[in-house]
Amino acid sequence: MGEEKSARYTIILGVCLLLCLLMLGRMLVGRSESEAPPDGTEPVETVPEEQQEPQLSLVMTMSESDLANFLLQYLPFTPRGLAVSIGADETASMSMSVDRAELEESGLLTGHFRAAAQLLPERCSLAGEWGVRAEQGRLRFTCLSAQLNDADLPQTAAELVTGAMANALNRKLEELNVAPQRLAWSDGEIEIYA
């Protein structure tokens, strides 16, 4: 009789195990499309809405001379002989000469570099290359290289110069009520879309 009970329990255990495996398989595979949901309603196929990008329009085309003029208006120092080059590789290169005294007064020379700047000649050459992108309605500059009299600027000084250039250009764009969302680059000009 003990063997008979053991065989029954083994069969019941096997059936329970088989049912559990079937339920797990159904959960993993999902229910069939012909099967109605438990509340008796018919299944409704939903199609996700496509996220449409807002339609941007060309607001302005900025040439190298436009960029130079904007910077001349708003930089915290007066550059002389400002030369700007816009490349299709999404970079802007600039070179200029500037008075050492104006650089010191602008606040762009800080810390140890301010003391070292005393050794610079009265007129210095400032050059560099910056990546520019549109982000949240403003232009963001990234310094790729910056030199003062052919010597690399320390990172903090390069960041200050980069910030001054970005602020100058963004101030002009704010005056024009332009909030850039996308830039299209070609050699010699940048198309600004908003």
N, C-alpha and C. Protein backbone atom coordinates (compact mmCIF):
# COMPACT_ATOMS: atom_id res chain seq x y z
N MET A 1 0.80 -1.17 0.00
CA MET A 1 0.00 0.00 0.00
C MET A 1 0.86 1.25 0.00
N GLY A 2 2.01 1.23 0.64
CA GLY A 2 2.92 2.35 0.67
C GLY A 2 3.47 2.65 -0.72
N GLU A 3 3.68 1.55 -1.50
CA GLU A 3 4.17 1.75 -2.85
C GLU A 3 3.10 2.37 -3.74
N GLU A 4 1.83 2.01 -3.50
CA GLU A 4 0.74 2.54 -4.28
C GLU A 4 0.59 4.04 -4.05
N LYS A 5 0.72 4.51 -2.78
CA LYS A 5 0.65 5.94 -2.47
C LYS A 5 1.83 6.67 -3.10
N SER A 6 2.99 6.06 -3.05
CA SER A 6 4.18 6.68 -3.60
C SER A 6 4.04 6.86 -5.11
N ALA A 7 3.45 5.87 -5.77
CA ALA A 7 3.26 5.97 -7.22
C ALA A 7 2.26 7.08 -7.54
N ARG A 8 1.18 7.20 -6.74
CA ARG A 8 0.19 8.25 -6.95
C ARG A 8 0.81 9.63 -6.77
N TYR A 9 1.59 9.77 -5.71
CA TYR A 9 2.23 11.06 -5.47
C TYR A 9 3.23 11.41 -6.58
N THR A 10 3.90 10.41 -7.10
CA THR A 10 4.84 10.63 -8.19
C THR A 10 4.10 11.09 -9.44
N ILE A 11 2.95 10.49 -9.73
CA ILE A 11 2.16 10.88 -10.90
C ILE A 11 1.62 12.30 -10.71
N ILE A 12 1.10 12.59 -9.51
CA ILE A 12 0.58 13.94 -9.24
C ILE A 12 1.71 14.98 -9.36
N LEU A 13 2.86 14.67 -8.82
CA LEU A 13 4.02 15.57 -8.92
C LEU A 13 4.43 15.77 -10.37
N GLY A 14 4.41 14.73 -11.18
CA GLY A 14 4.76 14.82 -12.59
C GLY A 14 3.77 15.70 -13.35
N VAL A 15 2.46 15.54 -13.07
CA VAL A 15 1.44 16.36 -13.73
C VAL A 15 1.62 17.83 -13.34
N CYS A 16 1.86 18.09 -12.05
CA CYS A 16 2.07 19.48 -11.59
C CYS A 16 3.30 20.08 -12.27
N LEU A 17 4.35 19.31 -12.37
CA LEU A 17 5.57 19.79 -13.01
C LEU A 17 5.33 20.10 -14.48
N LEU A 18 4.58 19.23 -15.17
CA LEU A 18 4.26 19.44 -16.57
C LEU A 18 3.42 20.70 -16.74
N LEU A 19 2.43 20.92 -15.88
CA LEU A 19 1.60 22.13 -15.95
C LEU A 19 2.45 23.40 -15.71
N CYS A 20 3.34 23.33 -14.76
CA CYS A 20 4.23 24.48 -14.49
C CYS A 20 5.08 24.79 -15.70
N LEU A 21 5.63 23.78 -16.34
CA LEU A 21 6.44 23.99 -17.53
C LEU A 21 5.62 24.59 -18.67
N LEU A 22 4.39 24.12 -18.83
CA LEU A 22 3.52 24.68 -19.87
C LEU A 22 3.22 26.16 -19.59
N MET A 23 2.96 26.49 -18.33
CA MET A 23 2.67 27.89 -17.99
C MET A 23 3.90 28.76 -18.21
N LEU A 24 5.06 28.29 -17.84
CA LEU A 24 6.29 29.04 -18.07
C LEU A 24 6.54 29.24 -19.56
N GLY A 25 6.33 28.20 -20.34
CA GLY A 25 6.52 28.31 -21.78
C GLY A 25 5.56 29.32 -22.39
N ARG A 26 4.34 29.31 -21.92
CA ARG A 26 3.34 30.25 -22.43
C ARG A 26 3.71 31.69 -22.07
N MET A 27 4.24 31.89 -20.86
CA MET A 27 4.65 33.23 -20.46
C MET A 27 5.83 33.71 -21.30
N LEU A 28 6.75 32.84 -21.59
CA LEU A 28 7.92 33.22 -22.37
C LEU A 28 7.55 33.50 -23.82
N VAL A 29 6.70 32.71 -24.40
CA VAL A 29 6.33 32.87 -25.79
C VAL A 29 5.26 33.94 -25.94
N GLY A 30 4.45 34.13 -24.94
CA GLY A 30 3.34 35.09 -25.03
C GLY A 30 2.10 34.37 -25.47
N ARG A 31 0.97 35.01 -25.19
CA ARG A 31 -0.26 34.32 -25.56
C ARG A 31 -0.49 34.48 -27.05
N SER A 32 -1.23 33.59 -27.60
CA SER A 32 -1.48 33.62 -29.05
C SER A 32 -2.37 34.79 -29.40
N GLU A 33 -2.30 35.24 -30.66
CA GLU A 33 -3.06 36.39 -31.10
C GLU A 33 -4.56 36.09 -31.14
N SER A 34 -4.93 34.83 -31.33
CA SER A 34 -6.35 34.49 -31.42
C SER A 34 -7.01 34.45 -30.05
N GLU A 35 -6.23 34.43 -29.02
CA GLU A 35 -6.78 34.32 -27.67
C GLU A 35 -7.21 35.70 -27.17
N ALA A 36 -8.38 35.80 -26.63
CA ALA A 36 -8.90 37.06 -26.10
C ALA A 36 -8.30 37.32 -24.73
N PRO A 37 -8.15 38.59 -24.37
CA PRO A 37 -7.66 38.91 -23.03
C PRO A 37 -8.62 38.38 -21.96
N PRO A 38 -8.16 38.25 -20.71
CA PRO A 38 -8.99 37.66 -19.66
C PRO A 38 -10.29 38.43 -19.39
N ASP A 39 -10.36 39.73 -19.68
CA ASP A 39 -11.58 40.48 -19.40
C ASP A 39 -12.62 40.32 -20.49
N GLY A 40 -12.34 39.52 -21.54
CA GLY A 40 -13.32 39.23 -22.58
C GLY A 40 -13.33 40.20 -23.73
N THR A 41 -12.59 41.28 -23.66
CA THR A 41 -12.55 42.23 -24.77
C THR A 41 -11.65 41.70 -25.87
N GLU A 42 -11.84 42.23 -27.04
CA GLU A 42 -11.01 41.83 -28.16
C GLU A 42 -9.65 42.53 -28.07
N PRO A 43 -8.58 41.86 -28.46
CA PRO A 43 -7.27 42.52 -28.44
C PRO A 43 -7.22 43.64 -29.47
N VAL A 44 -6.60 44.74 -29.08
CA VAL A 44 -6.46 45.89 -29.96
C VAL A 44 -4.98 46.07 -30.23
N GLU A 45 -4.66 46.13 -31.51
CA GLU A 45 -3.27 46.32 -31.88
C GLU A 45 -2.97 47.81 -31.84
N THR A 46 -1.94 48.18 -31.10
CA THR A 46 -1.56 49.59 -31.02
C THR A 46 -0.30 49.81 -31.82
N VAL A 47 -0.29 50.92 -32.52
CA VAL A 47 0.88 51.30 -33.31
C VAL A 47 1.52 52.49 -32.61
N PRO A 48 2.80 52.38 -32.24
CA PRO A 48 3.42 53.52 -31.55
C PRO A 48 3.47 54.74 -32.46
N GLU A 49 3.23 55.90 -31.86
CA GLU A 49 3.28 57.13 -32.63
C GLU A 49 4.73 57.46 -32.97
N GLU A 50 4.91 57.90 -34.19
CA GLU A 50 6.25 58.26 -34.62
C GLU A 50 6.61 59.62 -34.02
N GLN A 51 7.80 59.69 -33.47
CA GLN A 51 8.30 60.96 -32.94
C GLN A 51 8.77 61.80 -34.12
N GLN A 52 8.08 62.88 -34.36
CA GLN A 52 8.48 63.74 -35.46
C GLN A 52 9.36 64.85 -34.93
N GLU A 53 10.47 65.05 -35.64
CA GLU A 53 11.34 66.17 -35.29
C GLU A 53 10.67 67.45 -35.72
N PRO A 54 10.78 68.49 -34.90
CA PRO A 54 10.16 69.74 -35.33
C PRO A 54 10.82 70.21 -36.62
N GLN A 55 10.00 70.79 -37.45
CA GLN A 55 10.48 71.29 -38.73
C GLN A 55 11.38 72.51 -38.50
N LEU A 56 12.64 72.41 -38.86
CA LEU A 56 13.57 73.51 -38.70
C LEU A 56 13.71 74.25 -40.02
N SER A 57 13.90 75.54 -39.92
CA SER A 57 14.10 76.32 -41.14
C SER A 57 15.41 77.08 -41.04
N LEU A 58 15.97 77.36 -42.20
CA LEU A 58 17.23 78.11 -42.27
C LEU A 58 16.97 79.54 -41.80
N VAL A 59 17.67 79.94 -40.77
CA VAL A 59 17.48 81.27 -40.22
C VAL A 59 18.51 82.23 -40.78
N MET A 60 19.75 81.78 -40.83
CA MET A 60 20.80 82.65 -41.36
C MET A 60 22.00 81.82 -41.81
N THR A 61 22.77 82.41 -42.69
CA THR A 61 24.03 81.83 -43.12
C THR A 61 25.13 82.76 -42.63
N MET A 62 26.05 82.19 -41.85
CA MET A 62 27.13 82.98 -41.27
C MET A 62 28.41 82.70 -42.05
N SER A 63 28.93 83.74 -42.67
CA SER A 63 30.19 83.61 -43.41
C SER A 63 31.36 83.85 -42.45
N GLU A 64 32.55 83.67 -42.95
CA GLU A 64 33.74 83.92 -42.14
C GLU A 64 33.81 85.39 -41.72
N SER A 65 33.45 86.30 -42.62
CA SER A 65 33.49 87.72 -42.27
C SER A 65 32.39 88.07 -41.25
N ASP A 66 31.22 87.41 -41.34
CA ASP A 66 30.16 87.63 -40.34
C ASP A 66 30.65 87.20 -38.96
N LEU A 67 31.25 86.02 -38.91
CA LEU A 67 31.75 85.51 -37.63
C LEU A 67 32.81 86.45 -37.06
N ALA A 68 33.70 86.92 -37.91
CA ALA A 68 34.74 87.85 -37.45
C ALA A 68 34.11 89.14 -36.92
N ASN A 69 33.12 89.68 -37.62
CA ASN A 69 32.47 90.92 -37.17
C ASN A 69 31.74 90.72 -35.84
N PHE A 70 31.06 89.58 -35.68
CA PHE A 70 30.36 89.31 -34.42
C PHE A 70 31.35 89.25 -33.26
N LEU A 71 32.48 88.58 -33.49
CA LEU A 71 33.49 88.47 -32.43
C LEU A 71 34.10 89.83 -32.11
N LEU A 72 34.36 90.62 -33.14
CA LEU A 72 34.93 91.96 -32.92
C LEU A 72 34.00 92.82 -32.04
N GLN A 73 32.70 92.64 -32.18
CA GLN A 73 31.75 93.44 -31.42
C GLN A 73 31.72 93.07 -29.95
N TYR A 74 31.88 91.80 -29.63
CA TYR A 74 31.58 91.36 -28.27
C TYR A 74 32.73 90.72 -27.49
N LEU A 75 33.87 90.50 -28.07
CA LEU A 75 34.98 89.94 -27.29
C LEU A 75 35.40 90.94 -26.21
N PRO A 76 35.88 90.47 -25.06
CA PRO A 76 36.27 91.38 -23.99
C PRO A 76 37.63 92.04 -24.22
N PHE A 77 38.18 91.87 -25.39
CA PHE A 77 39.42 92.55 -25.78
C PHE A 77 39.28 92.90 -27.26
N THR A 78 40.15 93.76 -27.75
CA THR A 78 40.06 94.20 -29.14
C THR A 78 41.10 93.47 -29.98
N PRO A 79 40.66 92.48 -30.75
CA PRO A 79 41.62 91.77 -31.61
C PRO A 79 41.97 92.62 -32.83
N ARG A 80 43.18 92.47 -33.27
CA ARG A 80 43.62 93.16 -34.48
C ARG A 80 44.01 92.10 -35.51
N GLY A 81 43.65 92.36 -36.74
CA GLY A 81 44.00 91.40 -37.80
C GLY A 81 43.31 90.06 -37.61
N LEU A 82 42.06 90.08 -37.17
CA LEU A 82 41.32 88.84 -36.92
C LEU A 82 41.06 88.11 -38.24
N ALA A 83 41.55 86.90 -38.32
CA ALA A 83 41.32 86.04 -39.49
C ALA A 83 40.53 84.82 -39.03
N VAL A 84 39.45 84.53 -39.74
CA VAL A 84 38.58 83.41 -39.38
C VAL A 84 38.48 82.47 -40.57
N SER A 85 38.53 81.18 -40.27
CA SER A 85 38.36 80.17 -41.31
C SER A 85 37.33 79.15 -40.81
N ILE A 86 36.29 78.95 -41.61
CA ILE A 86 35.25 77.98 -41.27
C ILE A 86 35.45 76.77 -42.18
N GLY A 87 35.53 75.60 -41.57
CA GLY A 87 35.77 74.38 -42.34
C GLY A 87 34.55 73.47 -42.36
N ALA A 88 34.44 72.68 -43.40
CA ALA A 88 33.34 71.72 -43.52
C ALA A 88 33.44 70.63 -42.46
N ASP A 89 34.59 70.54 -41.78
CA ASP A 89 34.78 69.54 -40.73
C ASP A 89 34.23 70.01 -39.38
N GLU A 90 33.35 71.01 -39.41
CA GLU A 90 32.67 71.55 -38.23
C GLU A 90 33.63 72.21 -37.25
N THR A 91 34.62 72.91 -37.80
CA THR A 91 35.56 73.66 -36.97
C THR A 91 35.68 75.09 -37.47
N ALA A 92 36.04 75.95 -36.55
CA ALA A 92 36.34 77.34 -36.89
C ALA A 92 37.73 77.63 -36.36
N SER A 93 38.61 78.11 -37.23
CA SER A 93 39.97 78.48 -36.84
C SER A 93 40.06 79.99 -36.83
N MET A 94 40.73 80.53 -35.83
CA MET A 94 40.88 81.97 -35.72
C MET A 94 42.31 82.31 -35.34
N SER A 95 42.77 83.43 -35.88
CA SER A 95 44.07 83.96 -35.46
C SER A 95 43.93 85.47 -35.41
N MET A 96 44.65 86.08 -34.48
CA MET A 96 44.56 87.52 -34.27
C MET A 96 45.76 87.97 -33.46
N SER A 97 45.94 89.26 -33.41
CA SER A 97 46.93 89.80 -32.48
C SER A 97 46.15 90.64 -31.47
N VAL A 98 46.69 90.69 -30.26
CA VAL A 98 46.00 91.38 -29.18
C VAL A 98 47.05 91.98 -28.24
N ASP A 99 46.71 93.10 -27.64
CA ASP A 99 47.61 93.73 -26.67
C ASP A 99 47.62 92.92 -25.38
N ARG A 100 48.80 92.69 -24.84
CA ARG A 100 48.92 91.95 -23.59
C ARG A 100 48.11 92.62 -22.49
N ALA A 101 48.16 93.95 -22.41
CA ALA A 101 47.43 94.68 -21.37
C ALA A 101 45.92 94.42 -21.47
N GLU A 102 45.39 94.36 -22.70
CA GLU A 102 43.96 94.08 -22.87
C GLU A 102 43.62 92.67 -22.43
N LEU A 103 44.50 91.73 -22.71
CA LEU A 103 44.26 90.36 -22.25
C LEU A 103 44.22 90.31 -20.72
N GLU A 104 45.13 91.00 -20.08
CA GLU A 104 45.17 91.02 -18.62
C GLU A 104 43.90 91.66 -18.06
N GLU A 105 43.47 92.78 -18.65
CA GLU A 105 42.28 93.49 -18.18
C GLU A 105 41.00 92.70 -18.44
N SER A 106 41.00 91.85 -19.46
CA SER A 106 39.79 91.10 -19.82
C SER A 106 39.46 90.01 -18.81
N GLY A 107 40.43 89.63 -17.98
CA GLY A 107 40.21 88.55 -17.01
C GLY A 107 40.45 87.17 -17.59
N LEU A 108 40.95 87.10 -18.81
CA LEU A 108 41.21 85.81 -19.43
C LEU A 108 42.52 85.18 -18.98
N LEU A 109 43.40 85.97 -18.42
CA LEU A 109 44.67 85.44 -17.91
C LEU A 109 44.54 85.35 -16.40
N THR A 110 44.65 84.15 -15.88
CA THR A 110 44.47 83.94 -14.44
C THR A 110 45.63 83.15 -13.86
N GLY A 111 45.72 83.19 -12.56
CA GLY A 111 46.68 82.37 -11.83
C GLY A 111 48.11 82.56 -12.27
N HIS A 112 48.82 81.44 -12.37
CA HIS A 112 50.24 81.45 -12.75
C HIS A 112 50.43 82.01 -14.15
N PHE A 113 49.44 81.80 -15.01
CA PHE A 113 49.58 82.29 -16.37
C PHE A 113 49.56 83.81 -16.41
N ARG A 114 48.84 84.43 -15.49
CA ARG A 114 48.82 85.90 -15.43
C ARG A 114 50.22 86.42 -15.11
N ALA A 115 50.89 85.78 -14.16
CA ALA A 115 52.25 86.19 -13.81
C ALA A 115 53.21 85.94 -14.98
N ALA A 116 53.05 84.81 -15.63
CA ALA A 116 53.93 84.48 -16.76
C ALA A 116 53.67 85.41 -17.94
N ALA A 117 52.45 85.93 -18.03
CA ALA A 117 52.10 86.82 -19.14
C ALA A 117 52.91 88.11 -19.10
N GLN A 118 53.44 88.46 -17.93
CA GLN A 118 54.27 89.67 -17.83
C GLN A 118 55.51 89.56 -18.70
N LEU A 119 55.91 88.34 -19.01
CA LEU A 119 57.09 88.12 -19.85
C LEU A 119 56.77 88.19 -21.34
N LEU A 120 55.49 88.29 -21.68
CA LEU A 120 55.09 88.35 -23.09
C LEU A 120 55.35 89.74 -23.66
N PRO A 121 55.51 89.83 -24.95
CA PRO A 121 55.66 91.16 -25.58
C PRO A 121 54.33 91.92 -25.49
N GLU A 122 54.39 93.21 -25.75
CA GLU A 122 53.19 94.06 -25.67
C GLU A 122 52.09 93.58 -26.62
N ARG A 123 52.45 93.15 -27.81
CA ARG A 123 51.47 92.63 -28.77
C ARG A 123 51.71 91.14 -28.91
N CYS A 124 50.65 90.36 -28.70
CA CYS A 124 50.74 88.90 -28.73
C CYS A 124 49.88 88.35 -29.87
N SER A 125 50.25 87.19 -30.34
CA SER A 125 49.41 86.51 -31.33
C SER A 125 48.61 85.42 -30.62
N LEU A 126 47.34 85.37 -30.92
CA LEU A 126 46.43 84.37 -30.33
C LEU A 126 45.81 83.61 -31.48
N ALA A 127 45.91 82.30 -31.46
CA ALA A 127 45.36 81.47 -32.54
C ALA A 127 44.80 80.20 -31.95
N GLY A 128 43.89 79.61 -32.68
CA GLY A 128 43.33 78.34 -32.21
C GLY A 128 42.31 77.78 -33.16
N GLU A 129 41.82 76.61 -32.79
CA GLU A 129 40.79 75.93 -33.57
C GLU A 129 39.73 75.43 -32.59
N TRP A 130 38.47 75.66 -32.95
CA TRP A 130 37.36 75.31 -32.07
C TRP A 130 36.32 74.52 -32.84
N GLY A 131 35.76 73.53 -32.16
CA GLY A 131 34.58 72.83 -32.67
C GLY A 131 33.37 73.60 -32.17
N VAL A 132 32.35 73.72 -33.00
CA VAL A 132 31.15 74.48 -32.63
C VAL A 132 29.94 73.61 -32.92
N ARG A 133 29.00 73.56 -31.97
CA ARG A 133 27.76 72.80 -32.18
C ARG A 133 26.60 73.56 -31.55
N ALA A 134 25.42 73.29 -32.04
CA ALA A 134 24.20 73.89 -31.48
C ALA A 134 23.68 72.96 -30.39
N GLU A 135 23.35 73.56 -29.25
CA GLU A 135 22.85 72.77 -28.13
C GLU A 135 21.92 73.64 -27.30
N GLN A 136 20.67 73.23 -27.21
CA GLN A 136 19.66 73.93 -26.40
C GLN A 136 19.54 75.41 -26.77
N GLY A 137 19.54 75.69 -28.05
CA GLY A 137 19.34 77.05 -28.52
C GLY A 137 20.54 77.97 -28.40
N ARG A 138 21.70 77.41 -28.12
CA ARG A 138 22.93 78.21 -28.01
C ARG A 138 24.04 77.49 -28.76
N LEU A 139 25.08 78.24 -29.06
CA LEU A 139 26.26 77.62 -29.68
C LEU A 139 27.23 77.24 -28.57
N ARG A 140 27.76 76.03 -28.65
CA ARG A 140 28.75 75.54 -27.69
C ARG A 140 30.07 75.37 -28.42
N PHE A 141 31.10 75.96 -27.85
CA PHE A 141 32.45 75.87 -28.43
C PHE A 141 33.25 74.83 -27.64
N THR A 142 34.06 74.07 -28.36
CA THR A 142 35.00 73.14 -27.75
C THR A 142 36.38 73.47 -28.29
N CYS A 143 37.31 73.76 -27.39
CA CYS A 143 38.66 74.14 -27.81
C CYS A 143 39.42 72.89 -28.26
N LEU A 144 39.85 72.91 -29.50
CA LEU A 144 40.67 71.82 -30.02
C LEU A 144 42.15 72.14 -29.87
N SER A 145 42.48 73.43 -30.01
CA SER A 145 43.85 73.89 -29.77
C SER A 145 43.81 75.41 -29.61
N ALA A 146 44.69 75.93 -28.78
CA ALA A 146 44.79 77.38 -28.60
C ALA A 146 46.23 77.71 -28.22
N GLN A 147 46.78 78.70 -28.92
CA GLN A 147 48.17 79.09 -28.66
C GLN A 147 48.25 80.61 -28.49
N LEU A 148 49.14 81.00 -27.62
CA LEU A 148 49.48 82.41 -27.44
C LEU A 148 50.96 82.52 -27.75
N ASN A 149 51.30 83.30 -28.76
CA ASN A 149 52.68 83.39 -29.25
C ASN A 149 53.28 82.01 -29.51
N ASP A 150 52.52 81.18 -30.20
CA ASP A 150 52.93 79.83 -30.61
C ASP A 150 53.18 78.87 -29.45
N ALA A 151 52.78 79.23 -28.23
CA ALA A 151 52.88 78.32 -27.09
C ALA A 151 51.47 77.93 -26.69
N ASP A 152 51.25 76.63 -26.44
CA ASP A 152 49.92 76.17 -26.06
C ASP A 152 49.45 76.86 -24.78
N LEU A 153 48.20 77.30 -24.83
CA LEU A 153 47.61 77.91 -23.63
C LEU A 153 47.33 76.81 -22.61
N PRO A 154 47.52 77.10 -21.33
CA PRO A 154 47.09 76.14 -20.30
C PRO A 154 45.58 75.93 -20.42
N GLN A 155 45.10 74.78 -19.97
CA GLN A 155 43.70 74.41 -20.13
C GLN A 155 42.75 75.47 -19.57
N THR A 156 43.05 76.00 -18.39
CA THR A 156 42.14 76.99 -17.80
C THR A 156 42.08 78.25 -18.64
N ALA A 157 43.22 78.70 -19.16
CA ALA A 157 43.23 79.89 -20.01
C ALA A 157 42.52 79.61 -21.33
N ALA A 158 42.73 78.42 -21.90
CA ALA A 158 42.05 78.06 -23.15
C ALA A 158 40.54 78.01 -22.94
N GLU A 159 40.09 77.49 -21.79
CA GLU A 159 38.65 77.45 -21.50
C GLU A 159 38.07 78.85 -21.36
N LEU A 160 38.82 79.77 -20.77
CA LEU A 160 38.35 81.15 -20.63
C LEU A 160 38.24 81.84 -21.99
N VAL A 161 39.22 81.63 -22.85
CA VAL A 161 39.18 82.21 -24.20
C VAL A 161 38.01 81.59 -24.98
N THR A 162 37.84 80.29 -24.85
CA THR A 162 36.75 79.59 -25.52
C THR A 162 35.40 80.14 -25.05
N GLY A 163 35.26 80.31 -23.74
CA GLY A 163 34.02 80.86 -23.19
C GLY A 163 33.75 82.27 -23.67
N ALA A 164 34.81 83.08 -23.78
CA ALA A 164 34.65 84.45 -24.25
C ALA A 164 34.15 84.48 -25.69
N MET A 165 34.68 83.58 -26.52
CA MET A 165 34.24 83.53 -27.92
C MET A 165 32.80 83.04 -28.02
N ALA A 166 32.47 82.01 -27.25
CA ALA A 166 31.09 81.49 -27.28
C ALA A 166 30.12 82.56 -26.79
N ASN A 167 30.46 83.26 -25.71
CA ASN A 167 29.59 84.31 -25.19
C ASN A 167 29.40 85.43 -26.20
N ALA A 168 30.48 85.82 -26.88
CA ALA A 168 30.39 86.89 -27.87
C ALA A 168 29.43 86.52 -28.99
N LEU A 169 29.55 85.31 -29.50
CA LEU A 169 28.71 84.90 -30.61
C LEU A 169 27.26 84.69 -30.16
N ASN A 170 27.07 84.10 -28.98
CA ASN A 170 25.71 83.89 -28.48
C ASN A 170 25.00 85.20 -28.17
N ARG A 171 25.74 86.20 -27.69
CA ARG A 171 25.12 87.52 -27.46
C ARG A 171 24.58 88.10 -28.75
N LYS A 172 25.36 87.99 -29.83
CA LYS A 172 24.91 88.51 -31.11
C LYS A 172 23.68 87.75 -31.61
N LEU A 173 23.69 86.42 -31.47
CA LEU A 173 22.54 85.63 -31.90
C LEU A 173 21.30 85.96 -31.08
N GLU A 174 21.47 86.22 -29.79
CA GLU A 174 20.33 86.62 -28.96
C GLU A 174 19.76 87.95 -29.44
N GLU A 175 20.63 88.88 -29.81
CA GLU A 175 20.18 90.17 -30.36
C GLU A 175 19.34 89.96 -31.61
N LEU A 176 19.72 88.98 -32.41
CA LEU A 176 19.01 88.70 -33.65
C LEU A 176 17.82 87.77 -33.45
N ASN A 177 17.55 87.39 -32.18
CA ASN A 177 16.48 86.44 -31.83
C ASN A 177 16.63 85.11 -32.57
N VAL A 178 17.84 84.60 -32.59
CA VAL A 178 18.13 83.32 -33.23
C VAL A 178 18.54 82.34 -32.13
N ALA A 179 17.81 81.22 -32.05
CA ALA A 179 18.14 80.15 -31.10
C ALA A 179 18.51 78.91 -31.92
N PRO A 180 19.79 78.75 -32.24
CA PRO A 180 20.20 77.67 -33.15
C PRO A 180 19.87 76.28 -32.61
N GLN A 181 19.33 75.45 -33.48
CA GLN A 181 19.03 74.06 -33.14
C GLN A 181 19.89 73.07 -33.92
N ARG A 182 20.33 73.50 -35.10
CA ARG A 182 21.17 72.63 -35.93
C ARG A 182 22.05 73.52 -36.80
N LEU A 183 23.27 73.03 -37.05
CA LEU A 183 24.21 73.74 -37.92
C LEU A 183 24.54 72.87 -39.12
N ALA A 184 24.65 73.49 -40.28
CA ALA A 184 25.10 72.80 -41.49
C ALA A 184 26.38 73.51 -41.93
N TRP A 185 27.46 72.75 -42.05
CA TRP A 185 28.79 73.31 -42.31
C TRP A 185 29.20 73.10 -43.76
N SER A 186 29.90 74.07 -44.29
CA SER A 186 30.60 73.93 -45.56
C SER A 186 31.83 74.82 -45.45
N ASP A 187 32.75 74.66 -46.35
CA ASP A 187 33.95 75.50 -46.30
C ASP A 187 33.55 76.96 -46.49
N GLY A 188 33.85 77.79 -45.51
CA GLY A 188 33.60 79.22 -45.61
C GLY A 188 32.31 79.71 -44.99
N GLU A 189 31.37 78.81 -44.60
CA GLU A 189 30.13 79.29 -44.01
C GLU A 189 29.44 78.22 -43.16
N ILE A 190 28.58 78.74 -42.28
CA ILE A 190 27.77 77.88 -41.42
C ILE A 190 26.31 78.30 -41.64
N GLU A 191 25.45 77.32 -41.92
CA GLU A 191 24.02 77.59 -42.01
C GLU A 191 23.42 77.27 -40.65
N ILE A 192 22.66 78.22 -40.12
CA ILE A 192 22.06 78.06 -38.80
C ILE A 192 20.56 77.83 -38.97
N TYR A 193 20.10 76.71 -38.41
CA TYR A 193 18.68 76.35 -38.48
C TYR A 193 18.07 76.46 -37.08
N ALA A 194 16.86 77.01 -37.04
CA ALA A 194 16.16 77.15 -35.76
C ALA A 194 14.70 76.79 -35.95
